[in-house]
Amino acid sequence: MIGTGLIAPFIDRSREARKVVGASCGVCSVIAAAAVLKGPAPLLSVHGVNVMTPLELVYACIALSVVRHVVTRNRVYHLGHAIGFVIGLCVVDWIG
């Protein structure tokens, strides 16, 4: 959550100043780390989309977060979710 709060203002200068209020970006980091640590075990389909590995699910969530950020103008900072996923991937790579 701290990482997202520090990184987001440098990535997204076109919108008003952001405040990280919730913990969803931290949850996204943990999900990404767990997906990498779980390994390439196959998953079932999610909403009719076949996902082969947990890491592919993380990449799909990153893409969905970026698209939601661009398309929607609600109060949810969707780019923060994508940043959280990327931070989780980076931390696992750094540790491992």
N, C-alpha and C. Protein backbone atom coordinates (compact mmCIF):
# COMPACT_ATOMS: atom_id res chain seq x y z
N MET A 1 0.82 -1.18 0.00
CA MET A 1 0.00 0.00 0.00
C MET A 1 0.87 1.25 0.00
N ILE A 2 1.95 1.21 0.74
CA ILE A 2 2.86 2.35 0.78
C ILE A 2 3.51 2.55 -0.59
N GLY A 3 3.91 1.44 -1.21
CA GLY A 3 4.53 1.53 -2.54
C GLY A 3 3.60 2.14 -3.56
N THR A 4 2.36 1.76 -3.54
CA THR A 4 1.39 2.33 -4.48
C THR A 4 1.20 3.82 -4.22
N GLY A 5 1.14 4.21 -2.97
CA GLY A 5 0.99 5.61 -2.64
C GLY A 5 2.17 6.45 -3.09
N LEU A 6 3.35 5.84 -3.08
CA LEU A 6 4.55 6.56 -3.51
C LEU A 6 4.72 6.58 -5.03
N ILE A 7 4.32 5.52 -5.69
CA ILE A 7 4.54 5.39 -7.14
C ILE A 7 3.45 6.06 -7.96
N ALA A 8 2.21 5.96 -7.53
CA ALA A 8 1.07 6.45 -8.32
C ALA A 8 1.18 7.90 -8.78
N PRO A 9 1.60 8.85 -7.94
CA PRO A 9 1.67 10.23 -8.41
C PRO A 9 2.65 10.44 -9.57
N PHE A 10 3.68 9.60 -9.66
CA PHE A 10 4.64 9.73 -10.75
C PHE A 10 4.13 9.14 -12.05
N ILE A 11 3.24 8.14 -11.95
CA ILE A 11 2.70 7.49 -13.14
C ILE A 11 1.50 8.24 -13.69
N ASP A 12 0.66 8.72 -12.81
CA ASP A 12 -0.64 9.28 -13.21
C ASP A 12 -0.72 10.75 -12.84
N ARG A 13 -0.10 11.59 -13.63
CA ARG A 13 -0.09 13.02 -13.35
C ARG A 13 -1.30 13.74 -13.92
N SER A 14 -2.04 13.08 -14.83
CA SER A 14 -3.16 13.75 -15.50
C SER A 14 -4.39 13.93 -14.60
N ARG A 15 -4.51 13.13 -13.58
CA ARG A 15 -5.66 13.23 -12.68
C ARG A 15 -5.30 14.02 -11.44
N GLU A 16 -6.30 14.34 -10.68
CA GLU A 16 -6.06 15.08 -9.44
C GLU A 16 -5.24 14.22 -8.48
N ALA A 17 -4.70 14.84 -7.46
CA ALA A 17 -3.86 14.13 -6.50
C ALA A 17 -4.62 12.95 -5.90
N ARG A 18 -3.95 11.86 -5.74
CA ARG A 18 -4.57 10.64 -5.23
C ARG A 18 -4.18 10.40 -3.78
N LYS A 19 -5.10 9.84 -3.06
CA LYS A 19 -4.85 9.40 -1.69
C LYS A 19 -5.20 7.94 -1.63
N VAL A 20 -4.29 7.13 -1.14
CA VAL A 20 -4.57 5.70 -0.99
C VAL A 20 -5.34 5.54 0.30
N VAL A 21 -6.58 5.10 0.18
CA VAL A 21 -7.46 5.01 1.34
C VAL A 21 -7.64 3.56 1.78
N GLY A 22 -7.88 2.68 0.82
CA GLY A 22 -8.16 1.28 1.15
C GLY A 22 -6.90 0.44 1.10
N ALA A 23 -7.09 -0.83 1.34
CA ALA A 23 -5.97 -1.76 1.34
C ALA A 23 -5.99 -2.67 0.12
N SER A 24 -6.82 -2.34 -0.87
CA SER A 24 -6.95 -3.24 -2.02
C SER A 24 -5.65 -3.39 -2.80
N CYS A 25 -4.84 -2.34 -2.86
CA CYS A 25 -3.56 -2.47 -3.57
C CYS A 25 -2.63 -3.44 -2.81
N GLY A 26 -2.69 -3.44 -1.50
CA GLY A 26 -1.90 -4.40 -0.72
C GLY A 26 -2.40 -5.82 -0.91
N VAL A 27 -3.71 -5.97 -0.98
CA VAL A 27 -4.29 -7.29 -1.23
C VAL A 27 -3.87 -7.79 -2.62
N CYS A 28 -3.85 -6.90 -3.60
CA CYS A 28 -3.41 -7.28 -4.95
C CYS A 28 -1.95 -7.72 -4.95
N SER A 29 -1.13 -7.08 -4.14
CA SER A 29 0.28 -7.48 -4.03
C SER A 29 0.41 -8.90 -3.48
N VAL A 30 -0.38 -9.19 -2.46
CA VAL A 30 -0.34 -10.53 -1.86
C VAL A 30 -0.85 -11.57 -2.84
N ILE A 31 -1.90 -11.25 -3.59
CA ILE A 31 -2.44 -12.18 -4.59
C ILE A 31 -1.38 -12.49 -5.65
N ALA A 32 -0.68 -11.46 -6.13
CA ALA A 32 0.35 -11.67 -7.14
C ALA A 32 1.48 -12.52 -6.59
N ALA A 33 1.92 -12.24 -5.38
CA ALA A 33 2.99 -13.03 -4.77
C ALA A 33 2.57 -14.49 -4.59
N ALA A 34 1.34 -14.71 -4.14
CA ALA A 34 0.85 -16.08 -3.97
C ALA A 34 0.76 -16.81 -5.29
N ALA A 35 0.38 -16.10 -6.36
CA ALA A 35 0.28 -16.73 -7.68
C ALA A 35 1.64 -17.19 -8.17
N VAL A 36 2.67 -16.38 -7.93
CA VAL A 36 4.02 -16.76 -8.35
C VAL A 36 4.52 -17.93 -7.51
N LEU A 37 4.30 -17.88 -6.22
CA LEU A 37 4.77 -18.93 -5.34
C LEU A 37 4.02 -20.24 -5.54
N LYS A 38 2.76 -20.16 -5.98
CA LYS A 38 1.96 -21.37 -6.23
C LYS A 38 2.51 -22.18 -7.38
N GLY A 39 3.07 -21.49 -8.37
CA GLY A 39 3.62 -22.19 -9.52
C GLY A 39 2.61 -22.34 -10.64
N PRO A 40 2.95 -23.12 -11.65
CA PRO A 40 2.12 -23.21 -12.86
C PRO A 40 0.97 -24.22 -12.78
N ALA A 41 0.44 -24.46 -11.61
CA ALA A 41 -0.68 -25.39 -11.49
C ALA A 41 -1.87 -24.84 -12.25
N PRO A 42 -2.54 -25.68 -13.05
CA PRO A 42 -3.68 -25.18 -13.84
C PRO A 42 -4.85 -24.76 -12.97
N LEU A 43 -5.56 -23.78 -13.45
CA LEU A 43 -6.76 -23.30 -12.78
C LEU A 43 -7.98 -23.63 -13.62
N LEU A 44 -9.15 -23.49 -13.04
CA LEU A 44 -10.40 -23.66 -13.78
C LEU A 44 -10.73 -22.36 -14.50
N SER A 45 -11.86 -22.33 -15.16
CA SER A 45 -12.25 -21.11 -15.86
C SER A 45 -12.86 -20.11 -14.89
N VAL A 46 -12.66 -18.84 -15.18
CA VAL A 46 -13.20 -17.75 -14.37
C VAL A 46 -14.13 -16.95 -15.28
N HIS A 47 -15.41 -16.97 -14.97
CA HIS A 47 -16.42 -16.27 -15.78
C HIS A 47 -16.34 -16.69 -17.25
N GLY A 48 -16.13 -17.96 -17.49
CA GLY A 48 -16.09 -18.48 -18.85
C GLY A 48 -14.77 -18.33 -19.57
N VAL A 49 -13.79 -17.70 -18.93
CA VAL A 49 -12.47 -17.53 -19.55
C VAL A 49 -11.53 -18.57 -18.95
N ASN A 50 -10.93 -19.39 -19.80
CA ASN A 50 -10.00 -20.40 -19.30
C ASN A 50 -8.66 -19.76 -18.97
N VAL A 51 -8.24 -19.95 -17.74
CA VAL A 51 -6.97 -19.42 -17.28
C VAL A 51 -6.07 -20.61 -16.99
N MET A 52 -4.91 -20.62 -17.60
CA MET A 52 -4.04 -21.78 -17.48
C MET A 52 -3.21 -21.79 -16.20
N THR A 53 -2.70 -20.64 -15.78
CA THR A 53 -1.87 -20.58 -14.58
C THR A 53 -2.29 -19.40 -13.70
N PRO A 54 -1.91 -19.43 -12.43
CA PRO A 54 -2.21 -18.29 -11.56
C PRO A 54 -1.56 -17.00 -12.06
N LEU A 55 -0.37 -17.10 -12.65
CA LEU A 55 0.32 -15.91 -13.14
C LEU A 55 -0.44 -15.27 -14.31
N GLU A 56 -1.05 -16.08 -15.16
CA GLU A 56 -1.87 -15.53 -16.24
C GLU A 56 -3.07 -14.79 -15.68
N LEU A 57 -3.62 -15.28 -14.59
CA LEU A 57 -4.73 -14.59 -13.94
C LEU A 57 -4.28 -13.23 -13.43
N VAL A 58 -3.08 -13.16 -12.87
CA VAL A 58 -2.54 -11.89 -12.39
C VAL A 58 -2.37 -10.91 -13.56
N TYR A 59 -1.84 -11.39 -14.68
CA TYR A 59 -1.67 -10.51 -15.85
C TYR A 59 -3.03 -10.01 -16.36
N ALA A 60 -4.03 -10.87 -16.33
CA ALA A 60 -5.37 -10.46 -16.74
C ALA A 60 -5.93 -9.40 -15.79
N CYS A 61 -5.68 -9.56 -14.51
CA CYS A 61 -6.15 -8.57 -13.53
C CYS A 61 -5.45 -7.23 -13.71
N ILE A 62 -4.15 -7.26 -14.04
CA ILE A 62 -3.42 -6.02 -14.31
C ILE A 62 -4.04 -5.32 -15.51
N ALA A 63 -4.27 -6.07 -16.58
CA ALA A 63 -4.87 -5.47 -17.79
C ALA A 63 -6.25 -4.91 -17.49
N LEU A 64 -7.07 -5.66 -16.76
CA LEU A 64 -8.41 -5.20 -16.42
C LEU A 64 -8.36 -3.93 -15.56
N SER A 65 -7.43 -3.86 -14.64
CA SER A 65 -7.29 -2.67 -13.80
C SER A 65 -6.91 -1.45 -14.62
N VAL A 66 -5.99 -1.63 -15.57
CA VAL A 66 -5.59 -0.50 -16.43
C VAL A 66 -6.76 -0.05 -17.30
N VAL A 67 -7.48 -1.00 -17.87
CA VAL A 67 -8.63 -0.65 -18.71
C VAL A 67 -9.69 0.08 -17.87
N ARG A 68 -9.98 -0.42 -16.71
CA ARG A 68 -10.97 0.25 -15.84
C ARG A 68 -10.51 1.65 -15.47
N HIS A 69 -9.22 1.82 -15.26
CA HIS A 69 -8.69 3.14 -14.93
C HIS A 69 -8.91 4.13 -16.07
N VAL A 70 -8.68 3.65 -17.29
CA VAL A 70 -8.83 4.52 -18.46
C VAL A 70 -10.30 4.80 -18.76
N VAL A 71 -11.15 3.79 -18.63
CA VAL A 71 -12.54 3.90 -19.05
C VAL A 71 -13.42 4.57 -17.99
N THR A 72 -13.25 4.20 -16.75
CA THR A 72 -14.15 4.72 -15.72
C THR A 72 -13.57 5.97 -15.07
N ARG A 73 -14.44 6.78 -14.55
CA ARG A 73 -14.02 7.98 -13.83
C ARG A 73 -14.67 8.01 -12.45
N ASN A 74 -14.77 6.84 -11.83
CA ASN A 74 -15.36 6.80 -10.50
C ASN A 74 -14.29 7.05 -9.45
N ARG A 75 -14.63 6.94 -8.22
CA ARG A 75 -13.69 7.28 -7.15
C ARG A 75 -12.72 6.16 -6.82
N VAL A 76 -12.86 5.00 -7.45
CA VAL A 76 -11.93 3.89 -7.22
C VAL A 76 -10.70 4.10 -8.09
N TYR A 77 -9.54 4.02 -7.47
CA TYR A 77 -8.30 4.22 -8.21
C TYR A 77 -7.82 2.86 -8.73
N HIS A 78 -8.35 2.46 -9.88
CA HIS A 78 -8.07 1.14 -10.44
C HIS A 78 -6.60 0.95 -10.78
N LEU A 79 -5.91 2.01 -11.16
CA LEU A 79 -4.49 1.88 -11.47
C LEU A 79 -3.70 1.46 -10.23
N GLY A 80 -4.20 1.81 -9.06
CA GLY A 80 -3.56 1.38 -7.82
C GLY A 80 -3.56 -0.13 -7.67
N HIS A 81 -4.62 -0.77 -8.16
CA HIS A 81 -4.68 -2.24 -8.12
C HIS A 81 -3.58 -2.82 -9.02
N ALA A 82 -3.43 -2.27 -10.22
CA ALA A 82 -2.40 -2.76 -11.14
C ALA A 82 -1.01 -2.55 -10.55
N ILE A 83 -0.80 -1.39 -9.94
CA ILE A 83 0.50 -1.12 -9.31
C ILE A 83 0.75 -2.12 -8.18
N GLY A 84 -0.28 -2.42 -7.41
CA GLY A 84 -0.14 -3.41 -6.33
C GLY A 84 0.25 -4.78 -6.86
N PHE A 85 -0.39 -5.21 -7.96
CA PHE A 85 -0.02 -6.50 -8.55
C PHE A 85 1.45 -6.50 -8.98
N VAL A 86 1.88 -5.45 -9.63
CA VAL A 86 3.26 -5.37 -10.12
C VAL A 86 4.25 -5.35 -8.95
N ILE A 87 3.92 -4.63 -7.89
CA ILE A 87 4.79 -4.60 -6.72
C ILE A 87 4.91 -6.01 -6.12
N GLY A 88 3.81 -6.74 -6.04
CA GLY A 88 3.87 -8.12 -5.54
C GLY A 88 4.76 -9.00 -6.38
N LEU A 89 4.67 -8.86 -7.70
CA LEU A 89 5.54 -9.64 -8.60
C LEU A 89 7.00 -9.26 -8.39
N CYS A 90 7.26 -7.98 -8.26
CA CYS A 90 8.65 -7.51 -8.07
C CYS A 90 9.24 -7.98 -6.75
N VAL A 91 8.45 -7.95 -5.69
CA VAL A 91 8.93 -8.38 -4.38
C VAL A 91 9.30 -9.86 -4.39
N VAL A 92 8.46 -10.69 -4.99
CA VAL A 92 8.76 -12.12 -5.06
C VAL A 92 10.01 -12.37 -5.91
N ASP A 93 10.14 -11.63 -7.00
CA ASP A 93 11.33 -11.77 -7.84
C ASP A 93 12.58 -11.33 -7.08
N TRP A 94 12.46 -10.25 -6.31
CA TRP A 94 13.59 -9.73 -5.54
C TRP A 94 13.99 -10.71 -4.43
N ILE A 95 13.01 -11.30 -3.76
CA ILE A 95 13.29 -12.24 -2.68
C ILE A 95 13.88 -13.54 -3.21
N GLY A 96 13.28 -14.01 -4.33
CA GLY A 96 13.64 -15.32 -4.86
C GLY A 96 14.86 -15.29 -5.65
